[in-house]
C-alpha atoms as a PDB file:
ATOM      1  CA  MET A   1      -0.158  -0.049   0.147  1.00  0.00           C
ATOM      2  CA  PHE A   2       1.156   3.422  -0.946  1.00  0.00           C
ATOM      3  CA  HIS A   3       0.150   6.744   0.181  1.00  0.00           C
ATOM      4  CA  ASN A   4      -0.617  10.096  -1.999  1.00  0.00           C
ATOM      5  CA  ALA A   5       0.432  13.428  -0.774  1.00  0.00           C
ATOM      6  CA  SER A   6      -3.156  13.863   0.622  1.00  0.00           C
ATOM      7  CA  ARG A   7      -2.671  10.954   2.930  1.00  0.00           C
ATOM      8  CA  ARG A   8       0.888  11.779   3.745  1.00  0.00           C
ATOM      9  CA  SER A   9      -0.232  15.186   5.172  1.00  0.00           C
ATOM     10  CA  VAL A  10      -2.966  13.445   7.081  1.00  0.00           C
ATOM     11  CA  ILE A  11      -0.684  11.154   8.703  1.00  0.00           C
ATOM     12  CA  ALA A  12       1.973  13.754   9.207  1.00  0.00           C
ATOM     13  CA  ARG A  13      -0.387  15.934  11.161  1.00  0.00           C
ATOM     14  CA  LEU A  14      -1.718  13.050  13.103  1.00  0.00           C
ATOM     15  CA  GLY A  15       2.037  12.058  14.030  1.00  0.00           C
ATOM     16  CA  ALA A  16       3.189  15.445  14.731  1.00  0.00           C
ATOM     17  CA  ALA A  17       0.265  15.679  17.236  1.00  0.00           C
ATOM     18  CA  ALA A  18       1.193  12.358  18.900  1.00  0.00           C
ATOM     19  CA  LEU A  19       4.928  13.440  19.384  1.00  0.00           C
ATOM     20  CA  MET A  20       3.709  15.994  21.570  1.00  0.00           C
ATOM     21  CA  ALA A  21       2.940  14.965  24.123  1.00  0.00           C
ATOM     22  CA  ALA A  22      -5.409 -17.704  30.054  1.00  0.00           C
ATOM     23  CA  SER A  23      -3.287 -19.612  31.882  1.00  0.00           C
ATOM     24  CA  LEU A  24      -0.450 -19.648  29.387  1.00  0.00           C
ATOM     25  CA  LEU A  25       0.658 -16.222  30.686  1.00  0.00           C
ATOM     26  CA  PRO A  26       2.221 -15.164  33.833  1.00  0.00           C
ATOM     27  CA  ALA A  27      -0.451 -14.687  36.581  1.00  0.00           C
ATOM     28  CA  LEU A  28      -1.560 -10.878  36.987  1.00  0.00           C
ATOM     29  CA  PRO A  29      -4.211  -9.089  38.861  1.00  0.00           C
ATOM     30  CA  ALA A  30      -7.681  -9.185  37.291  1.00  0.00           C
ATOM     31  CA  ALA A  31      -6.997  -5.522  36.391  1.00  0.00           C
ATOM     32  CA  ALA A  32      -3.576  -5.415  35.189  1.00  0.00           C
ATOM     33  CA  GLN A  33      -1.961  -2.133  34.795  1.00  0.00           C
ATOM     34  CA  VAL A  34       0.107  -1.078  31.915  1.00  0.00           C
ATOM     35  CA  GLY A  35       3.537   0.811  31.795  1.00  0.00           C
ATOM     36  CA  LEU A  36       5.150   2.207  28.769  1.00  0.00           C
ATOM     37  CA  GLN A  37       8.958   3.128  27.974  1.00  0.00           C
ATOM     38  CA  ARG A  38      10.663   4.297  24.706  1.00  0.00           C
ATOM     39  CA  SER A  39      13.287   1.754  23.411  1.00  0.00           C
ATOM     40  CA  ALA A  40      16.683   2.511  24.664  1.00  0.00           C
ATOM     41  CA  TRP A  41      18.091   2.100  21.136  1.00  0.00           C
ATOM     42  CA  ALA A  42      16.150   4.723  19.510  1.00  0.00           C
ATOM     43  CA  GLY A  43      17.987   6.419  16.634  1.00  0.00           C
ATOM     44  CA  ALA A  44      21.030   4.191  17.252  1.00  0.00           C
ATOM     45  CA  ASP A  45      20.863   2.691  13.722  1.00  0.00           C
ATOM     46  CA  VAL A  46      18.932   3.941  10.710  1.00  0.00           C
ATOM     47  CA  GLY A  47      18.033   0.304   9.986  1.00  0.00           C
ATOM     48  CA  VAL A  48      16.696  -0.376  13.449  1.00  0.00           C
ATOM     49  CA  PRO A  49      13.300   0.781  14.251  1.00  0.00           C
ATOM     50  CA  GLU A  50      12.820   2.780  17.386  1.00  0.00           C
ATOM     51  CA  GLY A  51       9.804   1.841  19.168  1.00  0.00           C
ATOM     52  CA  VAL A  52       7.600   1.813  22.367  1.00  0.00           C
ATOM     53  CA  ILE A  53       7.549  -1.111  24.762  1.00  0.00           C
ATOM     54  CA  TRP A  54       4.237  -1.795  26.644  1.00  0.00           C
ATOM     55  CA  TYR A  55       4.427  -4.137  29.757  1.00  0.00           C
ATOM     56  CA  PRO A  56       2.571  -5.264  32.668  1.00  0.00           C
ATOM     57  CA  SER A  57       3.250  -2.944  35.837  1.00  0.00           C
ATOM     58  CA  PRO A  58       2.114  -2.826  39.606  1.00  0.00           C
ATOM     59  CA  ALA A  59       1.968   0.936  39.187  1.00  0.00           C
ATOM     60  CA  PRO A  60      -1.537   2.218  38.991  1.00  0.00           C
ATOM     61  CA  ALA A  61      -2.376   3.554  35.261  1.00  0.00           C
ATOM     62  CA  THR A  62      -4.077   6.906  34.294  1.00  0.00           C
ATOM     63  CA  PRO A  63      -5.241   8.374  31.246  1.00  0.00           C
ATOM     64  CA  GLN A  64      -2.366   9.768  29.291  1.00  0.00           C
ATOM     65  CA  ARG A  65      -2.668  12.176  26.291  1.00  0.00           C
ATOM     66  CA  PHE A  66      -0.344  11.736  23.308  1.00  0.00           C
ATOM     67  CA  GLY A  67      -1.562  14.333  20.717  1.00  0.00           C
ATOM     68  CA  PRO A  68      -4.939  12.880  19.728  1.00  0.00           C
ATOM     69  CA  PHE A  69      -4.397   9.481  21.513  1.00  0.00           C
ATOM     70  CA  GLU A  70      -5.544   8.843  24.887  1.00  0.00           C
ATOM     71  CA  VAL A  71      -4.168   5.918  26.622  1.00  0.00           C
ATOM     72  CA  ALA A  72      -4.382   4.404  30.242  1.00  0.00           C
ATOM     73  CA  VAL A  73      -0.726   3.762  30.807  1.00  0.00           C
ATOM     74  CA  THR A  74       2.132   4.752  33.292  1.00  0.00           C
ATOM     75  CA  PRO A  75       5.082   5.992  31.506  1.00  0.00           C
ATOM     76  CA  GLY A  76       8.278   4.756  33.115  1.00  0.00           C
ATOM     77  CA  ALA A  77       6.520   2.522  35.519  1.00  0.00           C
ATOM     78  CA  PRO A  78       8.225  -0.513  36.848  1.00  0.00           C
ATOM     79  CA  VAL A  79       7.777  -4.018  35.496  1.00  0.00           C
ATOM     80  CA  THR A  80       5.928  -6.844  36.939  1.00  0.00           C
ATOM     81  CA  PRO A  81       8.635  -9.445  37.252  1.00  0.00           C
ATOM     82  CA  GLY A  82       8.524 -12.551  34.893  1.00  0.00           C
ATOM     83  CA  VAL A  83       9.417 -13.926  31.545  1.00  0.00           C
ATOM     84  CA  ARG A  84       6.729 -13.648  29.071  1.00  0.00           C
ATOM     85  CA  PRO A  85       5.574 -13.872  25.490  1.00  0.00           C
ATOM     86  CA  LEU A  86       6.232 -11.079  23.197  1.00  0.00           C
ATOM     87  CA  VAL A  87       4.338  -9.356  20.331  1.00  0.00           C
ATOM     88  CA  LEU A  88       5.797  -7.108  17.600  1.00  0.00           C
ATOM     89  CA  ILE A  89       3.593  -4.719  16.103  1.00  0.00           C
ATOM     90  CA  SER A  90       3.978  -3.192  12.643  1.00  0.00           C
ATOM     91  CA  HIS A  91       1.941  -0.274  11.479  1.00  0.00           C
ATOM     92  CA  GLY A  92       0.967   0.525   8.015  1.00  0.00           C
ATOM     93  CA  THR A  93       2.876   2.759   5.559  1.00  0.00           C
ATOM     94  CA  GLY A  94       3.205   6.267   6.734  1.00  0.00           C
ATOM     95  CA  GLY A  95       1.958   5.292  10.109  1.00  0.00           C
ATOM     96  CA  HIS A  96       2.941   5.798  13.680  1.00  0.00           C
ATOM     97  CA  GLU A  97       4.176   3.551  16.588  1.00  0.00           C
ATOM     98  CA  LEU A  98       0.965   4.754  18.654  1.00  0.00           C
ATOM     99  CA  GLY A  99      -1.362   4.041  15.991  1.00  0.00           C
ATOM    100  CA  HIS A 100      -2.545   0.619  17.499  1.00  0.00           C
ATOM    101  CA  ALA A 101      -2.191   1.577  21.095  1.00  0.00           C
ATOM    102  CA  TRP A 102      -5.706   0.022  21.740  1.00  0.00           C
ATOM    103  CA  LEU A 103      -4.203  -3.438  20.876  1.00  0.00           C
ATOM    104  CA  ALA A 104      -0.796  -2.730  22.697  1.00  0.00           C
ATOM    105  CA  ARG A 105      -2.151  -1.898  25.852  1.00  0.00           C
ATOM    106  CA  GLN A 106      -4.718  -4.785  25.965  1.00  0.00           C
ATOM    107  CA  LEU A 107      -2.160  -7.317  25.179  1.00  0.00           C
ATOM    108  CA  ALA A 108       0.058  -5.820  27.825  1.00  0.00           C
ATOM    109  CA  ALA A 109      -2.677  -5.859  30.283  1.00  0.00           C
ATOM    110  CA  GLU A 110      -2.985  -9.688  29.476  1.00  0.00           C
ATOM    111  CA  GLY A 111       0.762 -10.353  30.361  1.00  0.00           C
ATOM    112  CA  PHE A 112       2.625  -9.917  27.232  1.00  0.00           C
ATOM    113  CA  LEU A 113       5.437  -7.738  26.301  1.00  0.00           C
ATOM    114  CA  VAL A 114       4.772  -5.637  23.407  1.00  0.00           C
ATOM    115  CA  LEU A 115       7.035  -3.832  21.073  1.00  0.00           C
ATOM    116  CA  SER A 116       5.472  -1.246  18.417  1.00  0.00           C
ATOM    117  CA  VAL A 117       7.865   0.021  16.058  1.00  0.00           C
ATOM    118  CA  ARG A 118       8.248   3.053  13.985  1.00  0.00           C
ATOM    119  CA  HIS A 119       9.455   1.806  10.513  1.00  0.00           C
ATOM    120  CA  PRO A 120      12.503   3.791   9.227  1.00  0.00           C
ATOM    121  CA  GLY A 121      11.760   5.429   5.821  1.00  0.00           C
ATOM    122  CA  ASP A 122       8.247   4.525   6.122  1.00  0.00           C
ATOM    123  CA  HIS A 123       6.454   6.439   8.840  1.00  0.00           C
ATOM    124  CA  PHE A 124       4.459   9.725   9.237  1.00  0.00           C
ATOM    125  CA  GLN A 125       7.513  12.036   8.841  1.00  0.00           C
ATOM    126  CA  ASP A 126       9.463  10.196   6.218  1.00  0.00           C
ATOM    127  CA  ARG A 127       8.195   7.812   3.369  1.00  0.00           C
ATOM    128  CA  SER A 128      11.527   7.731   1.243  1.00  0.00           C
ATOM    129  CA  GLY A 129      11.900   4.148   1.906  1.00  0.00           C
ATOM    130  CA  VAL A 130       8.834   3.180  -0.339  1.00  0.00           C
ATOM    131  CA  THR A 131      10.775   3.933  -3.234  1.00  0.00           C
ATOM    132  CA  ARG A 132      13.382   1.369  -2.360  1.00  0.00           C
ATOM    133  CA  PRO A 133      13.333  -1.393  -4.977  1.00  0.00           C
ATOM    134  CA  ASP A 134      13.827  -3.901  -1.883  1.00  0.00           C
ATOM    135  CA  TYR A 135      11.115  -2.217  -0.042  1.00  0.00           C
ATOM    136  CA  LEU A 136       8.797  -5.306   0.253  1.00  0.00           C
ATOM    137  CA  ALA A 137      11.713  -7.137   1.795  1.00  0.00           C
ATOM    138  CA  GLU A 138      13.563  -4.332   3.857  1.00  0.00           C
ATOM    139  CA  ARG A 139      10.245  -3.725   5.902  1.00  0.00           C
ATOM    140  CA  PRO A 140      10.151  -7.110   7.385  1.00  0.00           C
ATOM    141  CA  ARG A 141      13.997  -7.012   7.968  1.00  0.00           C
ATOM    142  CA  GLN A 142      13.352  -3.823  10.045  1.00  0.00           C
ATOM    143  CA  LEU A 143      11.188  -5.670  12.386  1.00  0.00           C
ATOM    144  CA  SER A 144      13.688  -8.467  12.739  1.00  0.00           C
ATOM    145  CA  ARG A 145      16.258  -6.029  13.733  1.00  0.00           C
ATOM    146  CA  ALA A 146      13.982  -4.409  16.133  1.00  0.00           C
ATOM    147  CA  LEU A 147      13.615  -7.946  17.743  1.00  0.00           C
ATOM    148  CA  ASP A 148      17.442  -8.392  17.681  1.00  0.00           C
ATOM    149  CA  ALA A 149      17.659  -5.132  19.554  1.00  0.00           C
ATOM    150  CA  LEU A 150      15.168  -5.919  22.115  1.00  0.00           C
ATOM    151  CA  LEU A 151      16.558  -9.388  22.826  1.00  0.00           C
ATOM    152  CA  ALA A 152      19.951  -7.885  23.195  1.00  0.00           C
ATOM    153  CA  ASP A 153      18.873  -5.127  25.610  1.00  0.00           C
ATOM    154  CA  PRO A 154      19.829  -5.891  29.249  1.00  0.00           C
ATOM    155  CA  GLN A 155      16.681  -4.783  30.704  1.00  0.00           C
ATOM    156  CA  TRP A 156      14.130  -6.405  28.286  1.00  0.00           C
ATOM    157  CA  GLY A 157      15.844  -9.402  26.722  1.00  0.00           C
ATOM    158  CA  PRO A 158      15.546 -11.422  29.855  1.00  0.00           C
ATOM    159  CA  GLN A 159      12.103 -10.858  29.954  1.00  0.00           C
ATOM    160  CA  VAL A 160      11.070 -12.356  26.812  1.00  0.00           C
ATOM    161  CA  ASP A 161      10.329 -16.084  26.394  1.00  0.00           C
ATOM    162  CA  THR A 162      11.983 -16.603  22.937  1.00  0.00           C
ATOM    163  CA  ARG A 163       9.672 -19.839  22.301  1.00  0.00           C
ATOM    164  CA  ARG A 164       6.600 -17.625  22.213  1.00  0.00           C
ATOM    165  CA  ILE A 165       6.971 -14.412  19.922  1.00  0.00           C
ATOM    166  CA  ALA A 166       4.453 -13.293  17.534  1.00  0.00           C
ATOM    167  CA  ALA A 167       4.007 -10.324  15.040  1.00  0.00           C
ATOM    168  CA  VAL A 168       0.942  -8.302  14.579  1.00  0.00           C
ATOM    169  CA  GLY A 169       0.657  -5.860  11.342  1.00  0.00           C
ATOM    170  CA  HIS A 170      -1.975  -3.593   9.645  1.00  0.00           C
ATOM    171  CA  SER A 171      -2.026  -2.808   6.203  1.00  0.00           C
ATOM    172  CA  ALA A 172       1.598  -2.887   4.888  1.00  0.00           C
ATOM    173  CA  GLY A 173       2.333  -4.106   8.304  1.00  0.00           C
ATOM    174  CA  GLY A 174       0.085  -7.264   7.522  1.00  0.00           C
ATOM    175  CA  HIS A 175       2.569  -7.749   4.598  1.00  0.00           C
ATOM    176  CA  THR A 176       5.556  -7.437   6.829  1.00  0.00           C
ATOM    177  CA  VAL A 177       4.549 -10.110   9.424  1.00  0.00           C
ATOM    178  CA  LEU A 178       3.331 -12.662   6.640  1.00  0.00           C
ATOM    179  CA  ALA A 179       6.681 -12.245   5.063  1.00  0.00           C
ATOM    180  CA  LEU A 180       8.331 -12.862   8.332  1.00  0.00           C
ATOM    181  CA  ALA A 181       6.158 -15.901   8.727  1.00  0.00           C
ATOM    182  CA  GLY A 182       7.586 -17.275   5.381  1.00  0.00           C
ATOM    183  CA  GLY A 183       5.631 -15.239   2.555  1.00  0.00           C
ATOM    184  CA  GLN A 184       7.997 -14.531  -0.316  1.00  0.00           C
ATOM    185  CA  PRO A 185       8.141 -10.850  -1.069  1.00  0.00           C
ATOM    186  CA  ASP A 186       7.027 -10.175  -4.667  1.00  0.00           C
ATOM    187  CA  ARG A 187       7.760  -6.750  -6.199  1.00  0.00           C
ATOM    188  CA  VAL A 188       6.752  -7.812  -9.796  1.00  0.00           C
ATOM    189  CA  ARG A 189       3.538  -9.123  -8.764  1.00  0.00           C
ATOM    190  CA  LEU A 190       2.738  -5.486  -6.921  1.00  0.00           C
ATOM    191  CA  VAL A 191       3.938  -3.431  -9.511  1.00  0.00           C
ATOM    192  CA  ASN A 192       2.271  -5.382 -12.562  1.00  0.00           C
ATOM    193  CA  HIS A 193      -1.013  -5.427 -10.630  1.00  0.00           C
ATOM    194  CA  CYS A 194      -1.296  -1.760 -11.441  1.00  0.00           C
ATOM    195  CA  SER A 195      -0.056  -1.933 -14.990  1.00  0.00           C
ATOM    196  CA  ALA A 196      -2.187  -1.635 -18.206  1.00  0.00           C
ATOM    197  CA  ALA A 197      -2.245  -5.538 -18.059  1.00  0.00           C
ATOM    198  CA  GLY A 198      -3.159  -5.814 -14.437  1.00  0.00           C
ATOM    199  CA  ALA A 199      -6.390  -5.907 -12.593  1.00  0.00           C
ATOM    200  CA  GLY A 200      -5.568  -3.221 -10.193  1.00  0.00           C
ATOM    201  CA  LEU A 201      -6.453  -0.049 -12.124  1.00  0.00           C
ATOM    202  CA  GLN A 202     -10.002  -1.046 -12.367  1.00  0.00           C
ATOM    203  CA  GLY A 203     -10.576  -3.526  -9.391  1.00  0.00           C
ATOM    204  CA  ASP A 204      -8.190  -2.245  -6.897  1.00  0.00           C
ATOM    205  CA  ALA A 205      -8.002   1.577  -7.957  1.00  0.00           C
ATOM    206  CA  ALA A 206      -7.540   3.184  -4.568  1.00  0.00           C
ATOM    207  CA  MET A 207      -4.393   1.244  -3.942  1.00  0.00           C
ATOM    208  CA  CYS A 208      -2.853   1.912  -7.341  1.00  0.00           C
ATOM    209  CA  ARG A 209      -3.992   5.455  -7.016  1.00  0.00           C
ATOM    210  CA  LEU A 210      -2.170   5.726  -3.671  1.00  0.00           C
ATOM    211  CA  GLY A 211       1.007   4.453  -5.667  1.00  0.00           C
ATOM    212  CA  GLY A 212       0.625   7.100  -8.043  1.00  0.00           C
ATOM    213  CA  PHE A 213      -0.785   5.038 -10.869  1.00  0.00           C
ATOM    214  CA  SER A 214      -4.028   5.270 -12.906  1.00  0.00           C
ATOM    215  CA  PRO A 215      -5.498   4.425 -16.139  1.00  0.00           C
ATOM    216  CA  ASP A 216      -3.664   7.593 -17.502  1.00  0.00           C
ATOM    217  CA  LYS A 217      -0.353   6.453 -15.869  1.00  0.00           C
ATOM    218  CA  PRO A 218      -0.212   3.122 -15.466  1.00  0.00           C
ATOM    219  CA  ALA A 219       2.700   1.069 -13.572  1.00  0.00           C
ATOM    220  CA  PRO A 220       5.367  -0.238 -15.956  1.00  0.00           C
ATOM    221  CA  VAL A 221       5.267  -3.886 -16.800  1.00  0.00           C
ATOM    222  CA  LEU A 222       8.185  -5.901 -15.104  1.00  0.00           C
ATOM    223  CA  PRO A 223       9.473  -9.088 -16.741  1.00  0.00           C
ATOM    224  CA  ALA A 224       8.612 -12.214 -14.687  1.00  0.00           C
ATOM    225  CA  GLY A 225      11.401 -13.070 -12.623  1.00  0.00           C
ATOM    226  CA  SER A 226      13.061  -9.675 -12.744  1.00  0.00           C
ATOM    227  CA  ALA A 227      13.349  -7.682  -9.330  1.00  0.00           C
ATOM    228  CA  ALA A 228      13.723 -10.629  -7.490  1.00  0.00           C
ATOM    229  CA  LEU A 229      13.644 -10.254  -3.474  1.00  0.00           C
ATOM    230  CA  PRO A 230      15.198 -12.555  -0.909  1.00  0.00           C
ATOM    231  CA  SER A 231      13.268 -14.598   1.585  1.00  0.00           C
ATOM    232  CA  VAL A 232      13.011 -12.712   4.816  1.00  0.00           C
ATOM    233  CA  LYS A 233      11.331 -15.405   7.064  1.00  0.00           C
ATOM    234  CA  ASP A 234      12.226 -15.240  10.644  1.00  0.00           C
ATOM    235  CA  ALA A 235      12.149 -18.693  12.454  1.00  0.00           C
ATOM    236  CA  ARG A 236      11.590 -16.756  15.806  1.00  0.00           C
ATOM    237  CA  ILE A 237       8.058 -15.611  14.855  1.00  0.00           C
ATOM    238  CA  ARG A 238       5.708 -18.558  15.980  1.00  0.00           C
ATOM    239  CA  ALA A 239       2.521 -16.693  14.878  1.00  0.00           C
ATOM    240  CA  VAL A 240       1.314 -13.755  13.081  1.00  0.00           C
ATOM    241  CA  VAL A 241      -1.967 -11.582  12.839  1.00  0.00           C
ATOM    242  CA  ALA A 242      -2.483  -9.613   9.641  1.00  0.00           C
ATOM    243  CA  MET A 243      -5.076  -6.840   9.820  1.00  0.00           C
ATOM    244  CA  SER A 244      -6.387  -5.411   6.593  1.00  0.00           C
ATOM    245  CA  PRO A 245      -3.288  -6.816   4.840  1.00  0.00           C
ATOM    246  CA  LEU A 246      -1.606  -5.676   1.700  1.00  0.00           C
ATOM    247  CA  GLY A 247      -1.593  -9.084  -0.273  1.00  0.00           C
ATOM    248  CA  GLN A 248      -0.367  -8.153  -3.488  1.00  0.00           C
ATOM    249  CA  GLY A 249       3.355  -7.941  -2.430  1.00  0.00           C
ATOM    250  CA  LEU A 250       3.613 -11.614  -1.902  1.00  0.00           C
ATOM    251  CA  ASP A 251       3.989 -14.625  -4.019  1.00  0.00           C
ATOM    252  CA  LEU A 252       0.310 -16.191  -3.325  1.00  0.00           C
ATOM    253  CA  ASP A 253       1.415 -19.518  -5.003  1.00  0.00           C
ATOM    254  CA  THR A 254       4.069 -20.214  -2.440  1.00  0.00           C
ATOM    255  CA  LEU A 255       2.232 -19.051   0.769  1.00  0.00           C
ATOM    256  CA  ALA A 256       0.624 -22.341   1.717  1.00  0.00           C
ATOM    257  CA  ALA A 257       4.016 -24.320   1.498  1.00  0.00           C
ATOM    258  CA  ARG A 258       6.193 -21.750   3.230  1.00  0.00           C
ATOM    259  CA  VAL A 259       3.993 -20.337   5.972  1.00  0.00           C
ATOM    260  CA  ASP A 260       4.006 -22.794   8.772  1.00  0.00           C
ATOM    261  CA  VAL A 261       3.108 -20.932  11.613  1.00  0.00           C
ATOM    262  CA  PRO A 262      -0.559 -20.408  12.852  1.00  0.00           C
ATOM    263  CA  VAL A 263      -1.871 -17.200  11.042  1.00  0.00           C
ATOM    264  CA  LEU A 264      -5.194 -14.969  11.762  1.00  0.00           C
ATOM    265  CA  ILE A 265      -6.133 -12.653   8.965  1.00  0.00           C
ATOM    266  CA  GLN A 266      -8.883 -10.095   9.581  1.00  0.00           C
ATOM    267  CA  ALA A 267     -10.116  -8.147   6.861  1.00  0.00           C
ATOM    268  CA  SER A 268     -13.298  -6.297   5.508  1.00  0.00           C
ATOM    269  CA  ARG A 269     -15.184  -6.445   2.541  1.00  0.00           C
ATOM    270  CA  ARG A 270     -15.750  -2.894   3.089  1.00  0.00           C
ATOM    271  CA  ASP A 271     -12.141  -1.933   3.023  1.00  0.00           C
ATOM    272  CA  GLU A 272     -11.888   1.314   0.970  1.00  0.00           C
ATOM    273  CA  VAL A 273      -8.013   1.213   0.446  1.00  0.00           C
ATOM    274  CA  LEU A 274      -7.280  -2.267  -0.186  1.00  0.00           C
ATOM    275  CA  ALA A 275      -9.903  -3.984  -2.150  1.00  0.00           C
ATOM    276  CA  HIS A 276     -10.792  -7.228  -0.293  1.00  0.00           C
ATOM    277  CA  ALA A 277     -10.639  -9.570  -3.493  1.00  0.00           C
ATOM    278  CA  PHE A 278      -6.984  -8.596  -3.941  1.00  0.00           C
ATOM    279  CA  HIS A 279      -5.842  -8.479  -0.633  1.00  0.00           C
ATOM    280  CA  GLY A 280      -7.351  -9.993   2.469  1.00  0.00           C
ATOM    281  CA  GLY A 281      -9.715 -12.213   0.407  1.00  0.00           C
ATOM    282  CA  ALA A 282      -6.684 -13.491  -1.846  1.00  0.00           C
ATOM    283  CA  LEU A 283      -4.523 -14.182   1.189  1.00  0.00           C
ATOM    284  CA  CYS A 284      -7.243 -16.311   2.921  1.00  0.00           C
ATOM    285  CA  ALA A 285      -7.650 -18.363  -0.244  1.00  0.00           C
ATOM    286  CA  ALA A 286      -3.779 -18.775  -0.470  1.00  0.00           C
ATOM    287  CA  LEU A 287      -3.656 -19.866   2.979  1.00  0.00           C
ATOM    288  CA  PRO A 288      -6.387 -22.507   3.708  1.00  0.00           C
ATOM    289  CA  ARG A 289      -5.013 -23.195   7.232  1.00  0.00           C
ATOM    290  CA  ALA A 290      -5.062 -19.454   8.342  1.00  0.00           C
ATOM    291  CA  GLN A 291      -8.010 -18.571  10.533  1.00  0.00           C
ATOM    292  CA  CYS A 292      -9.830 -15.926   8.628  1.00  0.00           C
ATOM    293  CA  VAL A 293     -12.300 -13.369   9.836  1.00  0.00           C
ATOM    294  CA  THR A 294     -13.981 -11.401   7.253  1.00  0.00           C
ATOM    295  CA  GLY A 295     -16.595  -8.624   7.994  1.00  0.00           C
ATOM    296  CA  ASP A 296     -18.703  -6.242   5.976  1.00  0.00           C
ATOM    297  CA  GLN A 297     -18.841  -3.179   8.151  1.00  0.00           C
ATOM    298  CA  ALA A 298     -15.461  -1.860   9.160  1.00  0.00           C
ATOM    299  CA  GLY A 299     -13.152   0.402   7.024  1.00  0.00           C
ATOM    300  CA  HIS A 300      -9.733   0.121   6.396  1.00  0.00           C
ATOM    301  CA  PHE A 301      -8.697   2.352   9.575  1.00  0.00           C
ATOM    302  CA  ALA A 302     -10.797   0.526  11.954  1.00  0.00           C
ATOM    303  CA  PHE A 303      -7.378  -0.956  13.261  1.00  0.00           C
ATOM    304  CA  PHE A 304      -6.064   2.557  13.949  1.00  0.00           C
ATOM    305  CA  GLN A 305      -6.496   4.069  17.318  1.00  0.00           C
ATOM    306  CA  ALA A 306     -10.191   5.428  18.089  1.00  0.00           C
ATOM    307  CA  ALA A 307     -11.100   9.039  18.810  1.00  0.00           C
ATOM    308  CA  THR A 308      -8.151  10.680  16.805  1.00  0.00           C
ATOM    309  CA  GLY A 309     -10.789  13.440  15.745  1.00  0.00           C
ATOM    310  CA  PRO A 310     -11.436  14.434  12.114  1.00  0.00           C
ATOM    311  CA  MET A 311      -8.492  14.712  10.051  1.00  0.00           C
ATOM    312  CA  GLY A 312      -9.303  15.183   6.235  1.00  0.00           C
ATOM    313  CA  ALA A 313     -11.689  13.828   3.587  1.00  0.00           C
ATOM    314  CA  PRO A 314     -13.513  10.499   4.028  1.00  0.00           C
ATOM    315  CA  GLY A 315     -11.027   7.670   2.774  1.00  0.00           C
ATOM    316  CA  LEU A 316      -7.889   9.591   3.587  1.00  0.00           C
ATOM    317  CA  ASP A 317      -8.619   9.981   7.236  1.00  0.00           C
ATOM    318  CA  PRO A 318      -7.361   7.516   9.899  1.00  0.00           C
ATOM    319  CA  ALA A 319     -10.199   8.951  11.925  1.00  0.00           C
ATOM    320  CA  TRP A 320     -13.029   7.971   9.257  1.00  0.00           C
ATOM    321  CA  ASP A 321     -15.371   5.269   9.613  1.00  0.00           C
ATOM    322  CA  PRO A 322     -18.596   3.985   7.479  1.00  0.00           C
ATOM    323  CA  ALA A 323     -21.881   5.634   8.956  1.00  0.00           C
ATOM    324  CA  GLY A 324     -23.168   3.846  12.208  1.00  0.00           C
ATOM    325  CA  PHE A 325     -19.790   1.845  12.628  1.00  0.00           C
ATOM    326  CA  ASP A 326     -18.716   1.935  16.356  1.00  0.00           C
ATOM    327  CA  ARG A 327     -14.865   1.743  16.148  1.00  0.00           C
ATOM    328  CA  ALA A 328     -14.282   1.284  19.952  1.00  0.00           C
ATOM    329  CA  ALA A 329     -16.571  -1.430  20.557  1.00  0.00           C
ATOM    330  CA  TRP A 330     -15.401  -3.157  17.395  1.00  0.00           C
ATOM    331  CA  GLN A 331     -11.885  -2.902  18.542  1.00  0.00           C
ATOM    332  CA  ALA A 332     -12.826  -4.443  21.868  1.00  0.00           C
ATOM    333  CA  GLU A 333     -14.222  -7.422  20.227  1.00  0.00           C
ATOM    334  CA  THR A 334     -11.230  -7.652  17.938  1.00  0.00           C
ATOM    335  CA  SER A 335      -8.765  -7.314  20.863  1.00  0.00           C
ATOM    336  CA  ALA A 336     -10.596 -10.380  22.503  1.00  0.00           C
ATOM    337  CA  ARG A 337     -10.096 -12.371  19.314  1.00  0.00           C
ATOM    338  CA  VAL A 338      -6.431 -11.423  18.709  1.00  0.00           C
ATOM    339  CA  LEU A 339      -5.879 -12.273  22.486  1.00  0.00           C
ATOM    340  CA  THR A 340      -7.592 -15.731  22.425  1.00  0.00           C
ATOM    341  CA  PHE A 341      -5.540 -16.438  19.079  1.00  0.00           C
ATOM    342  CA  LEU A 342      -2.176 -15.585  20.358  1.00  0.00           C
ATOM    343  CA  LYS A 343      -2.836 -17.580  23.671  1.00  0.00           C
ATOM    344  CA  THR A 344      -3.533 -20.638  21.744  1.00  0.00           C
ATOM    345  CA  ALA A 345      -0.852 -20.069  19.136  1.00  0.00           C
ATOM    346  CA  LEU A 346       2.020 -19.415  21.716  1.00  0.00           C
ATOM    347  CA  ARG A 347       1.121 -22.199  24.106  1.00  0.00           C
END
């Protein structure tokens, strides 16, 4: 998925505001509190994403305002002792590490350690990385590097049960986590989808427009076998959740054979950015063993933090929802589903 100038402006405003400011898990109080810290390696290497770490804490949490986001956490709080499973969260292109705070907080409250990253070269302030020929492989590698950094960190590494690591991603983040699970990145397929010979210009027009392609300006046709990308599978990832995922950047013919970990795909036929038939629907068809949940009500940004306020035209606004859609209630239901899936998958 790619964003045009309008979407970049919307995400930039959102990010600038944000900057202002069960039995398989360790036993915790019924109303577990959540702490939050910035990663110690932030800015250490351009290829290593900085991020936010969410964790169970005994300290009382209170609502904290991060620009348009309000989250009940305690910044810098002490950590509840223990070794626990880890969840990595990958945002969509042009996104923000706090964009999925609703899910990160819930997972931490249930005993998980969570790392939500900001992808270098593909966040609200800088999308220069999306023009890289290896973008579809580099993004997953960034998440692997973040995992390397977390495990090497003297504070956080000893708290991770390395046998129970999962990855969750939205939109381009969905591609990211599926590639880590074994999906083969395929730039030829993505580009040709928006060429004059592809189906994207008509059937997936929103995605193609966001990449700068239209019937008047189709993508160039790449020869089969050109622009090959390496496998980026990370054997440490034991389960993945792909939310409204970008599907055109993977070789669908190889998914069933190469992805051997539990997968949850949640998508919507109402998705206004990534047409379901070419993305979520195509991925579910290619992964018959995956748990697929497909709805008809949610828009593409239903996975984004609720209550961000109006920020642009419908369809280009992370706060936009279809009429009558209750994002907060839907996210509560979705977080419960993700939690159940991860507890089972990481047992």
